[in-house]
Structures are given as structure tokens and as C-alpha cells.
Amino acid sequence: MRTAPEGRWFIAGAWAVAVVLLIVAARIGSPLWWVLAAAWLALAVWVIAFFRDPERTWSIGERMVVAPADGKVVSVVETDEPVFHAGPALRISIFMNVFDCHVNRYPVSGTIAYRHYNPGKFGHAAAEKSSLDNEQSSVGVAAARGKVLIRQIAGLVARRIVTDHEVGTPVRQGERLGMIRFGSRVDLFLPVGTRVLVATGDSTIAGVTVVAEWS
């Protein structure tokens, strides 16, 4: 399984602790230590799964917009996006739980035209106010058919948002955008009039699930 580079120190640390606990349990022989070692071993396996970075080379084409994140659609609304769209926009919000792959991908091909990081709180990422209050990183893509803004929003235990590319970088649909460590949400802002193809409650796969179609 390929893992994201951002997680390799977490993986190494989790497995180092697991090895120590197994050695201690074997030497002491106490059932309590074996239970503790087994529980930590399960956690170490989960850490590897959390930081998985699967190969996805899927490309749908410029007429379609694909999901930027694995997870579940928690809202589809029209809202005001004053910075990149400078007005009304359609927002698709995708919540990633701790079992989802947390590597984010570009929903369209184009050029990075905007990037902004905003430090903030670490509230529940599925909550509506998290789009205003939480730590977040926004990336605006100038695509062939219009502007697309992707906003990575930190969750309850997230403390590090990773965004890979700088302004001026050409990017491809389905290419890795970055990731958020340990729980998060991604908002996708599209021009009003774009045909949305998902609804609240739908599951998405980053770079694969078609969420909208340009009008």
C-alpha cells in the first residue's frame, strides 16, 4: 500500500511504540500488557490505512467536475464566495471521517490562480460554521470552462493542512492536491448554473466520482 509522505513519521512512531509494547508484554507476561499491546497494534494498522495514498489516474474530461475528496456529501447550497468567485457560487461540502482516504485531488484541469491559508479553530468539520471558523486552505483553479475553488477545512483533531502547489502551477484533473491530517472536510465552489450531479448523503471518491457538469 502506498502511503502519503506526510504520514510516514506518524506511521514510524506508531509502529515503534507497538514493537516496544509487544516486547514488554512478552517479558512480563501480564494479560493487561498483552491487551494494551494488541490495542496499540490495531491503532498502528489504522494509522497506515489513514495515510494511504492510492494511485488514481482517472481523468473524466473538461466538461465534468470530479470530487476533490473521499467521503460523504453533507450539503449542496448556493452561497456567497467573495474572494475567488466574487459573488454567488454553488458549494458542495464533502465530509471525510477517520476511515476515509484523506488525500485530496483536483476536480478539474487548469492553472492555480489563487491560494490562501487561514489559521483558525478545530471544531467539528461537518458543522456549517466550520467553513468560517476552522483552519482552512483555499486553492482557486482557472479552468477552461470557469473558476473552481477548493477549500480544505480542518476538523476536530486535525492540526496540519497540506496543499501541494503554488500559484501559476498547471494542474490536471485527478492529480493530488494535498491532504488534511486526522479528520476534515472539503468544500468545492462552482459557478452558479453548473449542473450538480450529487445530493446530500451521497458518497464520493476523489478524482473518480463526477459531482457536477459544466452548463
Protein backbone atom coordinates (compact mmCIF):
# COMPACT_ATOMS: atom_id res chain seq x y z
CA MET A 1 0.00 0.00 0.00
CA ARG A 2 1.40 3.39 -0.97
CA THR A 3 1.32 5.95 1.84
CA ALA A 4 1.39 9.75 1.79
CA PRO A 5 4.79 11.24 2.73
CA GLU A 6 3.10 13.46 5.33
CA GLY A 7 2.20 10.37 7.35
CA ARG A 8 5.46 8.45 7.39
CA TRP A 9 6.70 9.83 10.72
CA PHE A 10 3.30 9.07 12.29
CA ILE A 11 3.46 5.52 10.93
CA ALA A 12 7.04 5.00 12.12
CA GLY A 13 6.20 6.33 15.58
CA ALA A 14 3.06 4.20 15.94
CA TRP A 15 4.90 1.02 14.96
CA ALA A 16 7.90 1.81 17.18
CA VAL A 17 5.55 2.05 20.18
CA ALA A 18 3.80 -1.17 19.09
CA VAL A 19 7.12 -3.06 18.99
CA VAL A 20 8.10 -1.79 22.44
CA LEU A 21 4.73 -2.80 23.92
CA LEU A 22 4.96 -6.27 22.38
CA ILE A 23 8.45 -6.75 23.83
CA VAL A 24 7.31 -5.60 27.28
CA ALA A 25 4.24 -7.84 27.14
CA ALA A 26 6.36 -10.86 26.16
CA ARG A 27 8.79 -10.25 29.02
CA ILE A 28 6.24 -9.51 31.73
CA GLY A 29 3.58 -11.94 30.54
CA SER A 30 0.75 -9.95 32.11
CA PRO A 31 -2.65 -10.18 30.31
CA LEU A 32 -3.05 -6.42 30.81
CA TRP A 33 0.13 -5.70 28.85
CA TRP A 34 -0.96 -8.06 26.06
CA VAL A 35 -4.31 -6.27 25.82
CA LEU A 36 -2.55 -2.90 25.72
CA ALA A 37 -0.12 -4.14 23.05
CA ALA A 38 -2.94 -5.59 20.94
CA ALA A 39 -4.95 -2.37 21.15
CA TRP A 40 -1.95 -0.27 20.11
CA LEU A 41 -1.14 -2.69 17.29
CA ALA A 42 -4.67 -2.16 15.92
CA LEU A 43 -4.09 1.60 16.14
CA ALA A 44 -0.79 1.28 14.26
CA VAL A 45 -2.55 -0.63 11.45
CA TRP A 46 -5.20 2.10 11.30
CA VAL A 47 -2.51 4.81 11.01
CA ILE A 48 -1.19 3.10 7.87
CA ALA A 49 -4.72 2.88 6.46
CA PHE A 50 -5.41 6.54 7.28
CA PHE A 51 -2.36 7.76 5.37
CA ARG A 52 -2.96 5.57 2.31
CA ASP A 53 -2.35 7.33 -0.98
CA PRO A 54 -3.77 5.11 -3.74
CA GLU A 55 -2.80 5.57 -7.36
CA ARG A 56 -5.68 7.22 -9.23
CA THR A 57 -5.03 8.28 -12.80
CA TRP A 58 -8.69 8.64 -13.77
CA SER A 59 -9.50 11.64 -15.97
CA ILE A 60 -13.09 12.36 -16.96
CA GLY A 61 -12.60 15.40 -19.21
CA GLU A 62 -13.07 19.15 -19.07
CA ARG A 63 -16.88 19.04 -19.24
CA MET A 64 -17.12 17.15 -15.94
CA VAL A 65 -16.12 18.08 -12.40
CA VAL A 66 -14.93 15.26 -10.16
CA ALA A 67 -14.93 15.01 -6.37
CA PRO A 68 -11.93 16.58 -4.59
CA ALA A 69 -12.25 14.19 -1.63
CA ASP A 70 -13.34 10.76 -0.49
CA GLY A 71 -16.27 10.99 1.90
CA LYS A 72 -19.93 11.90 2.15
CA VAL A 73 -21.72 14.95 0.75
CA VAL A 74 -23.09 16.89 3.75
CA SER A 75 -24.56 19.87 1.90
CA VAL A 76 -25.20 21.33 -1.55
CA VAL A 77 -26.11 25.01 -1.31
CA GLU A 78 -25.86 28.33 -3.10
CA THR A 79 -23.77 30.74 -1.07
CA ASP A 80 -21.66 33.86 -1.37
CA GLU A 81 -17.97 33.36 -2.17
CA PRO A 82 -16.48 36.86 -2.14
CA VAL A 83 -12.81 36.18 -2.83
CA PHE A 84 -12.29 33.98 -5.91
CA HIS A 85 -15.78 33.89 -7.45
CA ALA A 86 -16.54 37.40 -6.18
CA GLY A 87 -20.23 36.66 -5.76
CA PRO A 88 -22.73 33.80 -5.61
CA ALA A 89 -21.43 30.25 -6.05
CA LEU A 90 -22.60 26.67 -5.65
CA ARG A 91 -20.94 24.90 -2.73
CA ILE A 92 -20.63 21.13 -2.44
CA SER A 93 -19.34 20.10 1.00
CA ILE A 94 -17.75 16.66 1.50
CA PHE A 95 -17.01 15.37 4.99
CA MET A 96 -14.20 12.85 5.49
CA ASN A 97 -14.40 10.59 8.54
CA VAL A 98 -11.33 8.93 10.07
CA PHE A 99 -11.72 5.85 7.86
CA ASP A 100 -11.77 7.74 4.53
CA CYS A 101 -8.68 8.33 2.42
CA HIS A 102 -7.60 11.90 3.22
CA VAL A 103 -5.60 12.67 0.08
CA ASN A 104 -7.40 15.42 -1.87
CA ARG A 105 -7.40 15.74 -5.67
CA TYR A 106 -8.09 18.44 -8.25
CA PRO A 107 -11.65 18.31 -9.61
CA VAL A 108 -10.69 19.96 -12.91
CA SER A 109 -7.63 20.69 -15.02
CA GLY A 110 -6.35 24.25 -15.17
CA THR A 111 -3.89 26.66 -13.57
CA ILE A 112 -3.63 27.63 -9.90
CA ALA A 113 -4.80 31.26 -9.86
CA TYR A 114 -5.37 31.74 -6.13
CA ARG A 115 -4.11 30.29 -2.87
CA HIS A 116 -4.74 31.35 0.71
CA TYR A 117 -4.20 29.78 4.13
CA ASN A 118 -6.28 30.89 7.11
CA PRO A 119 -5.44 29.69 10.65
CA GLY A 120 -8.43 29.05 12.84
CA LYS A 121 -10.25 26.77 15.25
CA PHE A 122 -10.63 22.99 15.15
CA GLY A 123 -14.37 22.45 15.52
CA HIS A 124 -16.38 19.58 14.07
CA ALA A 125 -15.74 19.76 10.31
CA ALA A 126 -19.26 18.68 9.32
CA ALA A 127 -20.80 21.68 11.11
CA GLU A 128 -21.87 24.61 8.95
CA LYS A 129 -19.87 27.18 10.94
CA SER A 130 -16.63 25.26 10.31
CA SER A 131 -16.50 26.89 6.86
CA LEU A 132 -15.95 30.21 8.63
CA ASP A 133 -14.21 29.34 11.91
CA ASN A 134 -11.88 26.41 11.27
CA GLU A 135 -8.32 26.30 9.99
CA GLN A 136 -8.52 26.17 6.19
CA SER A 137 -6.58 26.35 2.95
CA SER A 138 -8.20 27.58 -0.26
CA VAL A 139 -7.00 26.89 -3.81
CA GLY A 140 -8.57 28.54 -6.85
CA VAL A 141 -8.22 26.88 -10.26
CA ALA A 142 -8.78 28.75 -13.51
CA ALA A 143 -10.20 26.00 -15.74
CA ALA A 144 -11.15 26.06 -19.41
CA ARG A 145 -14.85 26.43 -18.59
CA GLY A 146 -14.73 28.60 -15.48
CA LYS A 147 -13.39 29.11 -11.96
CA VAL A 148 -13.31 26.37 -9.32
CA LEU A 149 -12.37 26.93 -5.66
CA ILE A 150 -11.37 24.05 -3.41
CA ARG A 151 -11.28 24.71 0.34
CA GLN A 152 -9.64 22.23 2.72
CA ILE A 153 -11.10 22.61 6.22
CA ALA A 154 -9.53 21.11 9.34
CA GLY A 155 -11.62 19.03 11.74
CA LEU A 156 -11.66 18.28 15.46
CA VAL A 157 -8.23 16.65 15.69
CA ALA A 158 -6.60 17.99 12.52
CA ARG A 159 -3.61 20.24 13.06
CA ARG A 160 -1.98 20.29 9.65
CA ILE A 161 -3.37 21.03 6.22
CA VAL A 162 -1.05 20.22 3.32
CA THR A 163 -1.55 21.93 -0.05
CA ASP A 164 0.93 20.91 -2.72
CA HIS A 165 1.05 23.59 -5.43
CA GLU A 166 1.74 27.32 -5.70
CA VAL A 167 0.01 29.98 -7.82
CA GLY A 168 0.85 29.62 -11.50
CA THR A 169 1.19 25.82 -11.43
CA PRO A 170 -0.68 23.89 -14.16
CA VAL A 171 -2.66 21.00 -12.62
CA ARG A 172 -4.55 18.03 -14.02
CA GLN A 173 -7.94 16.64 -13.10
CA GLY A 174 -7.48 13.84 -10.56
CA GLU A 175 -3.94 14.95 -9.65
CA ARG A 176 -3.09 15.08 -5.96
CA LEU A 177 -3.90 18.47 -4.38
CA GLY A 178 -2.76 17.73 -0.82
CA MET A 179 -4.23 16.22 2.32
CA ILE A 180 -5.55 17.01 5.79
CA ARG A 181 -4.32 15.03 8.76
CA PHE A 182 -6.86 13.33 11.01
CA GLY A 183 -10.42 14.37 10.15
CA SER A 184 -11.66 17.10 7.87
CA ARG A 185 -13.95 18.49 5.19
CA VAL A 186 -13.50 19.81 1.67
CA ASP A 187 -15.76 22.47 0.13
CA LEU A 188 -15.99 22.79 -3.63
CA PHE A 189 -17.24 26.12 -5.04
CA LEU A 190 -18.57 26.21 -8.61
CA PRO A 191 -20.17 28.95 -10.72
CA VAL A 192 -23.91 29.29 -10.35
CA GLY A 193 -25.58 27.44 -13.22
CA THR A 194 -23.26 24.46 -13.08
CA ARG A 195 -25.32 21.26 -13.08
CA VAL A 196 -24.75 19.46 -9.76
CA LEU A 197 -24.98 15.65 -10.02
CA VAL A 198 -24.76 14.69 -6.33
CA ALA A 199 -27.02 15.23 -3.34
CA THR A 200 -26.67 15.28 0.44
CA GLY A 201 -25.87 11.79 1.70
CA ASP A 202 -24.08 10.61 -1.45
CA SER A 203 -20.62 9.04 -1.12
CA THR A 204 -17.71 10.26 -3.24
CA ILE A 205 -14.31 9.02 -4.36
CA ALA A 206 -11.70 11.71 -5.04
CA GLY A 207 -10.78 12.03 -8.69
CA VAL A 208 -13.39 9.46 -9.75
CA THR A 209 -16.93 10.45 -8.72
CA VAL A 210 -18.47 13.02 -11.07
CA VAL A 211 -20.12 15.68 -8.88
CA ALA A 212 -21.06 18.30 -11.48
CA GLU A 213 -21.22 19.09 -15.18
CA TRP A 214 -20.47 22.44 -16.78
CA SER A 215 -23.52 24.02 -18.39
